[in-house]
Amino acid sequence: MAKKQKQAEAPGATVVYCGPTIPGVAKQYTIYSNGTAPALSEAAENHPVLRSLIIPLDKLPEAMRQLRERSGTIYTLYRSAAQGKY
């Protein structure tokens, strides 16, 4: 998965943060092209859970489904991030 994550964050790639809103870092469902915001990049570097919640734009419908149904990997990661367990 690490290899896919690096591809998603490659310059020019469009990614979306699907984790919970973290004041001063990122809002849920913020879309980024040409890299993420510096605050999110720093947080993701220090917290692998947050890094896993930055996904390619084409994976967003599946991530939203998992969050809506409260099941799946994205939901588990989201809950960890929401509880501050990065």
C-alpha atoms as a PDB file:
ATOM      1  CA  MET A   1       0.000   0.000   0.000  1.00  0.00           C
ATOM      2  CA  ALA A   2       2.903   2.353   0.663  1.00  0.00           C
ATOM      3  CA  LYS A   3       3.837   2.226  -3.006  1.00  0.00           C
ATOM      4  CA  LYS A   4       0.292   3.140  -4.059  1.00  0.00           C
ATOM      5  CA  GLN A   5       0.206   5.953  -1.493  1.00  0.00           C
ATOM      6  CA  LYS A   6       3.383   7.480  -2.909  1.00  0.00           C
ATOM      7  CA  GLN A   7       1.839   7.361  -6.384  1.00  0.00           C
ATOM      8  CA  ALA A   8      -1.281   9.107  -5.109  1.00  0.00           C
ATOM      9  CA  GLU A   9       0.792  11.943  -3.708  1.00  0.00           C
ATOM     10  CA  ALA A  10       2.982  12.310  -6.794  1.00  0.00           C
ATOM     11  CA  PRO A  11       3.128  15.833  -8.212  1.00  0.00           C
ATOM     12  CA  GLY A  12       0.128  16.452 -10.397  1.00  0.00           C
ATOM     13  CA  ALA A  13      -1.962  13.677  -8.846  1.00  0.00           C
ATOM     14  CA  THR A  14      -5.363  14.669  -7.505  1.00  0.00           C
ATOM     15  CA  VAL A  15      -6.001  13.328  -4.010  1.00  0.00           C
ATOM     16  CA  VAL A  16      -8.616  13.870  -1.334  1.00  0.00           C
ATOM     17  CA  TYR A  17      -8.345  13.843   2.442  1.00  0.00           C
ATOM     18  CA  CYS A  18     -11.230  11.709   3.715  1.00  0.00           C
ATOM     19  CA  GLY A  19     -10.408  11.804   7.426  1.00  0.00           C
ATOM     20  CA  PRO A  20     -12.114  13.910  10.078  1.00  0.00           C
ATOM     21  CA  THR A  21     -11.699  17.684  10.024  1.00  0.00           C
ATOM     22  CA  ILE A  22      -8.633  18.643  12.058  1.00  0.00           C
ATOM     23  CA  PRO A  23      -8.516  22.402  12.742  1.00  0.00           C
ATOM     24  CA  GLY A  24      -5.402  23.976  11.288  1.00  0.00           C
ATOM     25  CA  VAL A  25      -4.558  20.828   9.333  1.00  0.00           C
ATOM     26  CA  ALA A  26      -7.343  19.792   6.934  1.00  0.00           C
ATOM     27  CA  LYS A  27     -11.079  19.682   6.381  1.00  0.00           C
ATOM     28  CA  GLN A  28     -12.745  16.418   5.488  1.00  0.00           C
ATOM     29  CA  TYR A  29     -13.105  15.838   1.739  1.00  0.00           C
ATOM     30  CA  THR A  30     -10.640  18.568   0.759  1.00  0.00           C
ATOM     31  CA  ILE A  31      -9.301  17.891  -2.728  1.00  0.00           C
ATOM     32  CA  TYR A  32      -5.657  18.596  -3.513  1.00  0.00           C
ATOM     33  CA  SER A  33      -3.823  18.638  -6.806  1.00  0.00           C
ATOM     34  CA  ASN A  34      -0.069  19.090  -7.052  1.00  0.00           C
ATOM     35  CA  GLY A  35       0.517  17.924  -3.479  1.00  0.00           C
ATOM     36  CA  THR A  36      -1.232  18.489  -0.174  1.00  0.00           C
ATOM     37  CA  ALA A  37      -1.151  21.557   2.054  1.00  0.00           C
ATOM     38  CA  PRO A  38       2.013  21.875   4.175  1.00  0.00           C
ATOM     39  CA  ALA A  39       0.130  21.346   7.459  1.00  0.00           C
ATOM     40  CA  LEU A  40      -1.454  18.125   6.195  1.00  0.00           C
ATOM     41  CA  SER A  41       1.819  16.907   4.697  1.00  0.00           C
ATOM     42  CA  GLU A  42       3.579  17.401   8.033  1.00  0.00           C
ATOM     43  CA  ALA A  43       0.779  15.713   9.993  1.00  0.00           C
ATOM     44  CA  ALA A  44       0.708  12.792   7.538  1.00  0.00           C
ATOM     45  CA  GLU A  45       4.472  12.394   7.816  1.00  0.00           C
ATOM     46  CA  ASN A  46       4.197  12.039  11.587  1.00  0.00           C
ATOM     47  CA  HIS A  47       0.966  10.013  11.686  1.00  0.00           C
ATOM     48  CA  PRO A  48       0.558   7.084   9.261  1.00  0.00           C
ATOM     49  CA  VAL A  49      -3.202   6.937   9.933  1.00  0.00           C
ATOM     50  CA  LEU A  50      -3.623  10.400   8.438  1.00  0.00           C
ATOM     51  CA  ARG A  51      -1.418   9.473   5.493  1.00  0.00           C
ATOM     52  CA  SER A  52      -3.702   6.499   4.809  1.00  0.00           C
ATOM     53  CA  LEU A  53      -6.715   8.838   4.712  1.00  0.00           C
ATOM     54  CA  ILE A  54      -5.258  10.749   1.751  1.00  0.00           C
ATOM     55  CA  ILE A  55      -6.553   8.790  -1.210  1.00  0.00           C
ATOM     56  CA  PRO A  56      -6.727   9.140  -4.992  1.00  0.00           C
ATOM     57  CA  LEU A  57      -9.815  11.020  -6.122  1.00  0.00           C
ATOM     58  CA  ASP A  58     -11.170   8.003  -7.995  1.00  0.00           C
ATOM     59  CA  LYS A  59     -11.312   6.062  -4.678  1.00  0.00           C
ATOM     60  CA  LEU A  60     -13.518   8.695  -3.006  1.00  0.00           C
ATOM     61  CA  PRO A  61     -16.908   7.052  -3.751  1.00  0.00           C
ATOM     62  CA  GLU A  62     -15.775   3.822  -2.083  1.00  0.00           C
ATOM     63  CA  ALA A  63     -14.363   5.716   0.916  1.00  0.00           C
ATOM     64  CA  MET A  64     -17.611   7.641   1.309  1.00  0.00           C
ATOM     65  CA  ARG A  65     -19.568   4.380   1.130  1.00  0.00           C
ATOM     66  CA  GLN A  66     -17.436   2.875   3.903  1.00  0.00           C
ATOM     67  CA  LEU A  67     -17.919   5.959   6.083  1.00  0.00           C
ATOM     68  CA  ARG A  68     -21.661   5.990   5.439  1.00  0.00           C
ATOM     69  CA  GLU A  69     -22.015   2.267   6.217  1.00  0.00           C
ATOM     70  CA  ARG A  70     -19.590   2.459   9.148  1.00  0.00           C
ATOM     71  CA  SER A  71     -17.513  -0.462   7.942  1.00  0.00           C
ATOM     72  CA  GLY A  72     -14.258  -1.109   6.139  1.00  0.00           C
ATOM     73  CA  THR A  73     -10.666   0.021   6.334  1.00  0.00           C
ATOM     74  CA  ILE A  74     -11.326   3.710   5.722  1.00  0.00           C
ATOM     75  CA  TYR A  75     -13.922   3.784   8.502  1.00  0.00           C
ATOM     76  CA  THR A  76     -11.514   2.113  10.930  1.00  0.00           C
ATOM     77  CA  LEU A  77      -8.787   4.623  10.046  1.00  0.00           C
ATOM     78  CA  TYR A  78     -11.275   7.494  10.294  1.00  0.00           C
ATOM     79  CA  ARG A  79     -12.322   6.408  13.805  1.00  0.00           C
ATOM     80  CA  SER A  80      -8.677   6.201  14.905  1.00  0.00           C
ATOM     81  CA  ALA A  81      -7.996   9.687  13.575  1.00  0.00           C
ATOM     82  CA  ALA A  82     -11.191  11.069  15.134  1.00  0.00           C
ATOM     83  CA  GLN A  83     -10.154   9.709  18.525  1.00  0.00           C
ATOM     84  CA  GLY A  84      -6.670  11.190  18.160  1.00  0.00           C
ATOM     85  CA  LYS A  85      -5.075   7.713  17.882  1.00  0.00           C
ATOM     86  CA  TYR A  86      -2.802   8.420  15.005  1.00  0.00           C
END
